[in-house]
PDB file of N, CA and C in Angstrom:
ATOM      1  N   MET A   1     -15.356 -16.847  -1.982  1.00  0.00           N
ATOM      2  CA  MET A   1     -13.919 -16.904  -1.855  1.00  0.00           C
ATOM      3  C   MET A   1     -13.610 -17.589  -0.478  1.00  0.00           C
ATOM      4  N   ASP A   2     -12.622 -18.449  -0.487  1.00  0.00           N
ATOM      5  CA  ASP A   2     -12.265 -19.177   0.716  1.00  0.00           C
ATOM      6  C   ASP A   2     -11.656 -18.240   1.751  1.00  0.00           C
ATOM      7  N   LYS A   3     -11.619 -18.722   2.960  1.00  0.00           N
ATOM      8  CA  LYS A   3     -11.078 -17.924   4.078  1.00  0.00           C
ATOM      9  C   LYS A   3      -9.593 -17.634   3.865  1.00  0.00           C
ATOM     10  N   TYR A   4      -8.856 -18.644   3.429  1.00  0.00           N
ATOM     11  CA  TYR A   4      -7.407 -18.420   3.280  1.00  0.00           C
ATOM     12  C   TYR A   4      -7.127 -17.463   2.166  1.00  0.00           C
ATOM     13  N   LEU A   5      -7.961 -17.457   1.118  1.00  0.00           N
ATOM     14  CA  LEU A   5      -7.731 -16.458   0.020  1.00  0.00           C
ATOM     15  C   LEU A   5      -8.019 -15.061   0.531  1.00  0.00           C
ATOM     16  N   THR A   6      -9.027 -14.923   1.403  1.00  0.00           N
ATOM     17  CA  THR A   6      -9.351 -13.624   1.943  1.00  0.00           C
ATOM     18  C   THR A   6      -8.216 -13.111   2.811  1.00  0.00           C
ATOM     19  N   VAL A   7      -7.608 -13.976   3.603  1.00  0.00           N
ATOM     20  CA  VAL A   7      -6.467 -13.581   4.463  1.00  0.00           C
ATOM     21  C   VAL A   7      -5.294 -13.125   3.586  1.00  0.00           C
ATOM     22  N   ILE A   8      -4.986 -13.846   2.541  1.00  0.00           N
ATOM     23  CA  ILE A   8      -3.907 -13.492   1.646  1.00  0.00           C
ATOM     24  C   ILE A   8      -4.216 -12.161   0.972  1.00  0.00           C
ATOM     25  N   LEU A   9      -5.485 -11.964   0.568  1.00  0.00           N
ATOM     26  CA  LEU A   9      -5.921 -10.698  -0.041  1.00  0.00           C
ATOM     27  C   LEU A   9      -5.689  -9.537   0.896  1.00  0.00           C
ATOM     28  N   ILE A  10      -5.983  -9.719   2.185  1.00  0.00           N
ATOM     29  CA  ILE A  10      -5.748  -8.674   3.190  1.00  0.00           C
ATOM     30  C   ILE A  10      -4.242  -8.322   3.288  1.00  0.00           C
ATOM     31  N   PHE A  11      -3.407  -9.357   3.267  1.00  0.00           N
ATOM     32  CA  PHE A  11      -1.949  -9.129   3.282  1.00  0.00           C
ATOM     33  C   PHE A  11      -1.484  -8.350   2.056  1.00  0.00           C
ATOM     34  N   MET A  12      -2.091  -8.635   0.907  1.00  0.00           N
ATOM     35  CA  MET A  12      -1.753  -7.907  -0.332  1.00  0.00           C
ATOM     36  C   MET A  12      -2.088  -6.440  -0.200  1.00  0.00           C
ATOM     37  N   VAL A  13      -3.266  -6.133   0.356  1.00  0.00           N
ATOM     38  CA  VAL A  13      -3.633  -4.720   0.571  1.00  0.00           C
ATOM     39  C   VAL A  13      -2.710  -4.042   1.515  1.00  0.00           C
ATOM     40  N   VAL A  14      -2.327  -4.721   2.624  1.00  0.00           N
ATOM     41  CA  VAL A  14      -1.367  -4.157   3.554  1.00  0.00           C
ATOM     42  C   VAL A  14      -0.017  -3.945   2.858  1.00  0.00           C
ATOM     43  N   GLY A  15       0.364  -4.842   1.951  1.00  0.00           N
ATOM     44  CA  GLY A  15       1.584  -4.668   1.201  1.00  0.00           C
ATOM     45  C   GLY A  15       1.614  -3.411   0.366  1.00  0.00           C
ATOM     46  N   ILE A  16       0.426  -3.080  -0.217  1.00  0.00           N
ATOM     47  CA  ILE A  16       0.335  -1.859  -0.995  1.00  0.00           C
ATOM     48  C   ILE A  16       0.536  -0.637  -0.088  1.00  0.00           C
ATOM     49  N   ILE A  17      -0.046  -0.684   1.071  1.00  0.00           N
ATOM     50  CA  ILE A  17       0.120   0.435   2.014  1.00  0.00           C
ATOM     51  C   ILE A  17       1.580   0.541   2.471  1.00  0.00           C
ATOM     52  N   ILE A  18       2.205  -0.580   2.785  1.00  0.00           N
ATOM     53  CA  ILE A  18       3.613  -0.564   3.191  1.00  0.00           C
ATOM     54  C   ILE A  18       4.525  -0.039   2.099  1.00  0.00           C
ATOM     55  N   SER A  19       4.140  -0.300   0.860  1.00  0.00           N
ATOM     56  CA  SER A  19       5.046   0.165  -0.225  1.00  0.00           C
ATOM     57  C   SER A  19       5.039   1.700  -0.316  1.00  0.00           C
ATOM     58  N   TRP A  20       3.988   2.349   0.217  1.00  0.00           N
ATOM     59  CA  TRP A  20       3.934   3.843   0.133  1.00  0.00           C
ATOM     60  C   TRP A  20       4.305   4.526   1.438  1.00  0.00           C
ATOM     61  N   ILE A  21       4.040   3.819   2.600  1.00  0.00           N
ATOM     62  CA  ILE A  21       4.301   4.434   3.887  1.00  0.00           C
ATOM     63  C   ILE A  21       5.325   3.597   4.659  1.00  0.00           C
ATOM     64  N   SER A  22       6.255   4.282   5.202  1.00  0.00           N
ATOM     65  CA  SER A  22       7.306   3.567   5.983  1.00  0.00           C
ATOM     66  C   SER A  22       6.720   3.085   7.347  1.00  0.00           C
ATOM     67  N   PRO A  23       6.801   1.807   7.636  1.00  0.00           N
ATOM     68  CA  PRO A  23       6.206   1.344   8.926  1.00  0.00           C
ATOM     69  C   PRO A  23       6.988   1.789  10.145  1.00  0.00           C
ATOM     70  N   THR A  24       8.264   2.126   9.988  1.00  0.00           N
ATOM     71  CA  THR A  24       9.012   2.536  11.176  1.00  0.00           C
ATOM     72  C   THR A  24       8.791   3.981  11.558  1.00  0.00           C
ATOM     73  N   THR A  25       8.647   4.879  10.574  1.00  0.00           N
ATOM     74  CA  THR A  25       8.472   6.298  10.865  1.00  0.00           C
ATOM     75  C   THR A  25       7.033   6.787  10.657  1.00  0.00           C
ATOM     76  N   GLY A  26       6.297   6.062   9.821  1.00  0.00           N
ATOM     77  CA  GLY A  26       4.921   6.476   9.531  1.00  0.00           C
ATOM     78  C   GLY A  26       4.796   7.595   8.484  1.00  0.00           C
ATOM     79  N   GLU A  27       5.921   7.937   7.885  1.00  0.00           N
ATOM     80  CA  GLU A  27       5.916   8.971   6.873  1.00  0.00           C
ATOM     81  C   GLU A  27       5.768   8.401   5.465  1.00  0.00           C
ATOM     82  N   VAL A  28       5.253   9.194   4.574  1.00  0.00           N
ATOM     83  CA  VAL A  28       5.107   8.763   3.188  1.00  0.00           C
ATOM     84  C   VAL A  28       6.487   8.709   2.562  1.00  0.00           C
ATOM     85  N   ARG A  29       6.746   7.659   1.863  1.00  0.00           N
ATOM     86  CA  ARG A  29       8.096   7.477   1.205  1.00  0.00           C
ATOM     87  C   ARG A  29       8.187   8.384  -0.014  1.00  0.00           C
ATOM     88  N   GLU A  30       9.407   8.905  -0.212  1.00  0.00           N
ATOM     89  CA  GLU A  30       9.631   9.735  -1.397  1.00  0.00           C
ATOM     90  C   GLU A  30       9.587   8.841  -2.635  1.00  0.00           C
ATOM     91  N   GLN A  31      10.263   7.706  -2.575  1.00  0.00           N
ATOM     92  CA  GLN A  31      10.226   6.737  -3.667  1.00  0.00           C
ATOM     93  C   GLN A  31       9.593   5.436  -3.079  1.00  0.00           C
ATOM     94  N   PRO A  32       8.393   5.064  -3.514  1.00  0.00           N
ATOM     95  CA  PRO A  32       7.780   3.844  -3.014  1.00  0.00           C
ATOM     96  C   PRO A  32       8.491   2.625  -3.543  1.00  0.00           C
ATOM     97  N   PHE A  33       8.273   1.496  -2.850  1.00  0.00           N
ATOM     98  CA  PHE A  33       8.809   0.225  -3.322  1.00  0.00           C
ATOM     99  C   PHE A  33       7.891  -0.259  -4.440  1.00  0.00           C
ATOM    100  N   LEU A  34       8.301  -0.020  -5.687  1.00  0.00           N
ATOM    101  CA  LEU A  34       7.430  -0.347  -6.808  1.00  0.00           C
ATOM    102  C   LEU A  34       7.259  -1.829  -7.010  1.00  0.00           C
ATOM    103  N   LEU A  35       8.290  -2.591  -6.696  1.00  0.00           N
ATOM    104  CA  LEU A  35       8.168  -4.073  -6.823  1.00  0.00           C
ATOM    105  C   LEU A  35       7.114  -4.604  -5.858  1.00  0.00           C
ATOM    106  N   LEU A  36       7.092  -4.102  -4.647  1.00  0.00           N
ATOM    107  CA  LEU A  36       6.116  -4.539  -3.663  1.00  0.00           C
ATOM    108  C   LEU A  36       4.710  -4.077  -4.081  1.00  0.00           C
ATOM    109  N   PHE A  37       4.614  -2.819  -4.585  1.00  0.00           N
ATOM    110  CA  PHE A  37       3.327  -2.246  -4.995  1.00  0.00           C
ATOM    111  C   PHE A  37       2.761  -3.061  -6.171  1.00  0.00           C
ATOM    112  N   TYR A  38       3.485  -3.202  -7.219  1.00  0.00           N
ATOM    113  CA  TYR A  38       2.946  -3.935  -8.379  1.00  0.00           C
ATOM    114  C   TYR A  38       2.792  -5.437  -8.132  1.00  0.00           C
ATOM    115  N   GLY A  39       3.656  -5.963  -7.307  1.00  0.00           N
ATOM    116  CA  GLY A  39       3.551  -7.373  -6.922  1.00  0.00           C
ATOM    117  C   GLY A  39       2.245  -7.609  -6.141  1.00  0.00           C
ATOM    118  N   SER A  40       1.899  -6.697  -5.277  1.00  0.00           N
ATOM    119  CA  SER A  40       0.658  -6.830  -4.466  1.00  0.00           C
ATOM    120  C   SER A  40      -0.553  -6.660  -5.386  1.00  0.00           C
ATOM    121  N   ILE A  41      -0.494  -5.736  -6.354  1.00  0.00           N
ATOM    122  CA  ILE A  41      -1.605  -5.586  -7.244  1.00  0.00           C
ATOM    123  C   ILE A  41      -1.804  -6.851  -8.128  1.00  0.00           C
ATOM    124  N   ALA A  42      -0.675  -7.405  -8.605  1.00  0.00           N
ATOM    125  CA  ALA A  42      -0.741  -8.616  -9.408  1.00  0.00           C
ATOM    126  C   ALA A  42      -1.280  -9.782  -8.536  1.00  0.00           C
ATOM    127  N   GLY A  43      -0.868  -9.840  -7.279  1.00  0.00           N
ATOM    128  CA  GLY A  43      -1.403 -10.869  -6.402  1.00  0.00           C
ATOM    129  C   GLY A  43      -2.887 -10.738  -6.163  1.00  0.00           C
ATOM    130  N   ILE A  44      -3.360  -9.513  -5.998  1.00  0.00           N
ATOM    131  CA  ILE A  44      -4.815  -9.317  -5.797  1.00  0.00           C
ATOM    132  C   ILE A  44      -5.574  -9.748  -7.003  1.00  0.00           C
ATOM    133  N   ILE A  45      -5.090  -9.384  -8.238  1.00  0.00           N
ATOM    134  CA  ILE A  45      -5.761  -9.748  -9.444  1.00  0.00           C
ATOM    135  C   ILE A  45      -5.779 -11.277  -9.563  1.00  0.00           C
ATOM    136  N   PHE A  46      -4.624 -11.925  -9.292  1.00  0.00           N
ATOM    137  CA  PHE A  46      -4.574 -13.387  -9.371  1.00  0.00           C
ATOM    138  C   PHE A  46      -5.558 -14.075  -8.389  1.00  0.00           C
ATOM    139  N   ILE A  47      -5.605 -13.556  -7.162  1.00  0.00           N
ATOM    140  CA  ILE A  47      -6.515 -14.131  -6.140  1.00  0.00           C
ATOM    141  C   ILE A  47      -7.946 -13.961  -6.575  1.00  0.00           C
ATOM    142  N   LEU A  48      -8.304 -12.833  -7.126  1.00  0.00           N
ATOM    143  CA  LEU A  48      -9.680 -12.622  -7.552  1.00  0.00           C
ATOM    144  C   LEU A  48     -10.055 -13.555  -8.736  1.00  0.00           C
ATOM    145  N   PHE A  49      -9.153 -13.711  -9.701  1.00  0.00           N
ATOM    146  CA  PHE A  49      -9.426 -14.627 -10.818  1.00  0.00           C
ATOM    147  C   PHE A  49      -9.508 -16.054 -10.331  1.00  0.00           C
ATOM    148  N   TYR A  50      -8.556 -16.431  -9.447  1.00  0.00           N
ATOM    149  CA  TYR A  50      -8.544 -17.811  -8.929  1.00  0.00           C
ATOM    150  C   TYR A  50      -9.802 -18.130  -8.101  1.00  0.00           C
ATOM    151  N   GLY A  51     -10.226 -17.180  -7.296  1.00  0.00           N
ATOM    152  CA  GLY A  51     -11.434 -17.356  -6.498  1.00  0.00           C
ATOM    153  C   GLY A  51     -12.653 -17.499  -7.352  1.00  0.00           C
ATOM    154  N   GLY A  52     -12.745 -16.700  -8.444  1.00  0.00           N
ATOM    155  CA  GLY A  52     -13.866 -16.786  -9.343  1.00  0.00           C
ATOM    156  C   GLY A  52     -13.843 -18.121 -10.091  1.00  0.00           C
ATOM    157  N   TYR A  53     -12.645 -18.585 -10.494  1.00  0.00           N
ATOM    158  CA  TYR A  53     -12.508 -19.854 -11.184  1.00  0.00           C
ATOM    159  C   TYR A  53     -12.918 -21.020 -10.273  1.00  0.00           C
ATOM    160  N   LYS A  54     -12.518 -20.968  -9.014  1.00  0.00           N
ATOM    161  CA  LYS A  54     -12.864 -22.029  -8.088  1.00  0.00           C
ATOM    162  C   LYS A  54     -14.365 -22.040  -7.845  1.00  0.00           C
ATOM    163  N   ASP A  55     -14.976 -20.868  -7.687  1.00  0.00           N
ATOM    164  CA  ASP A  55     -16.412 -20.802  -7.433  1.00  0.00           C
ATOM    165  C   ASP A  55     -17.185 -21.333  -8.674  1.00  0.00           C
ATOM    166  N   LYS A  56     -16.700 -20.997  -9.848  1.00  0.00           N
ATOM    167  CA  LYS A  56     -17.330 -21.450 -11.100  1.00  0.00           C
ATOM    168  C   LYS A  56     -17.305 -22.983 -11.190  1.00  0.00           C
ATOM    169  N   LYS A  57     -16.150 -23.580 -10.888  1.00  0.00           N
ATOM    170  CA  LYS A  57     -16.007 -25.066 -10.926  1.00  0.00           C
ATOM    171  C   LYS A  57     -16.921 -25.675  -9.900  1.00  0.00           C
ATOM    172  N   ALA A  58     -17.030 -25.126  -8.708  1.00  0.00           N
ATOM    173  CA  ALA A  58     -17.887 -25.709  -7.696  1.00  0.00           C
ATOM    174  C   ALA A  58     -19.393 -25.570  -8.121  1.00  0.00           C
ATOM    175  N   ARG A  59     -19.710 -24.456  -8.704  1.00  0.00           N
ATOM    176  CA  ARG A  59     -21.083 -24.264  -9.202  1.00  0.00           C
ATOM    177  C   ARG A  59     -21.442 -25.230 -10.314  1.00  0.00           C
ATOM    178  N   GLU A  60     -20.505 -25.452 -11.240  1.00  0.00           N
ATOM    179  CA  GLU A  60     -20.730 -26.390 -12.333  1.00  0.00           C
ATOM    180  C   GLU A  60     -20.914 -27.795 -11.806  1.00  0.00           C
ATOM    181  N   LYS A  61     -20.091 -28.182 -10.827  1.00  0.00           N
ATOM    182  CA  LYS A  61     -20.203 -29.509 -10.252  1.00  0.00           C
ATOM    183  C   LYS A  61     -21.521 -29.677  -9.522  1.00  0.00           C
ATOM    184  N   ARG A  62     -21.964 -28.659  -8.806  1.00  0.00           N
ATOM    185  CA  ARG A  62     -23.216 -28.695  -8.101  1.00  0.00           C
ATOM    186  C   ARG A  62     -24.402 -28.774  -9.070  1.00  0.00           C
ATOM    187  N   ASP A  63     -24.349 -27.983 -10.154  1.00  0.00           N
ATOM    188  CA  ASP A  63     -25.408 -27.980 -11.153  1.00  0.00           C
ATOM    189  C   ASP A  63     -25.485 -29.337 -11.875  1.00  0.00           C
ATOM    190  N   ALA A  64     -24.309 -29.924 -12.182  1.00  0.00           N
ATOM    191  CA  ALA A  64     -24.298 -31.218 -12.839  1.00  0.00           C
ATOM    192  C   ALA A  64     -24.879 -32.267 -11.956  1.00  0.00           C
ATOM    193  N   LYS A  65     -24.612 -32.214 -10.688  1.00  0.00           N
ATOM    194  CA  LYS A  65     -25.175 -33.169  -9.741  1.00  0.00           C
ATOM    195  C   LYS A  65     -26.696 -33.021  -9.647  1.00  0.00           C
ATOM    196  N   ARG A  66     -27.154 -31.821  -9.667  1.00  0.00           N
ATOM    197  CA  ARG A  66     -28.560 -31.517  -9.574  1.00  0.00           C
ATOM    198  C   ARG A  66     -29.310 -32.021 -10.844  1.00  0.00           C
ATOM    199  N   LYS A  67     -28.680 -31.849 -12.018  1.00  0.00           N
ATOM    200  CA  LYS A  67     -29.295 -32.324 -13.268  1.00  0.00           C
ATOM    201  C   LYS A  67     -29.375 -33.843 -13.292  1.00  0.00           C
ATOM    202  N   ARG A  68     -28.365 -34.522 -12.807  1.00  0.00           N
ATOM    203  CA  ARG A  68     -28.337 -35.980 -12.795  1.00  0.00           C
ATOM    204  C   ARG A  68     -29.455 -36.498 -11.859  1.00  0.00           C
ATOM    205  N   SER A  69     -29.699 -35.858 -10.751  1.00  0.00           N
ATOM    206  CA  SER A  69     -30.699 -36.358  -9.812  1.00  0.00           C
ATOM    207  C   SER A  69     -32.099 -36.156 -10.376  1.00  0.00           C
ATOM    208  N   LYS A  70     -32.348 -35.195 -11.276  1.00  0.00           N
ATOM    209  CA  LYS A  70     -33.652 -35.008 -11.867  1.00  0.00           C
ATOM    210  C   LYS A  70     -33.945 -36.062 -12.899  1.00  0.00           C
ATOM    211  N   LYS A  71     -32.948 -36.563 -13.562  1.00  0.00           N
ATOM    212  CA  LYS A  71     -33.156 -37.530 -14.633  1.00  0.00           C
ATOM    213  C   LYS A  71     -33.566 -38.898 -14.104  1.00  0.00           C
ATOM    214  N   LYS A  72     -33.255 -39.230 -12.887  1.00  0.00           N
ATOM    215  CA  LYS A  72     -33.541 -40.555 -12.338  1.00  0.00           C
ATOM    216  C   LYS A  72     -34.995 -40.742 -12.061  1.00  0.00           C
TER     217      LYS A  72
END
């Protein structure tokens, strides 16, 4: 996973925490921000799938290049 995806992933995890705990008082919220909570979870899932997709494409490109060099 790239560095920028890791940074965004960390922000998503912090977003989950902020949805449950008030940053001003430090107390647990009675009603959490569900949009922020589920949005952060969806963002984490998207980042994990996108990172896996990107790694797979890079691996396929690397393997194809390796196979071509053996044929010569």
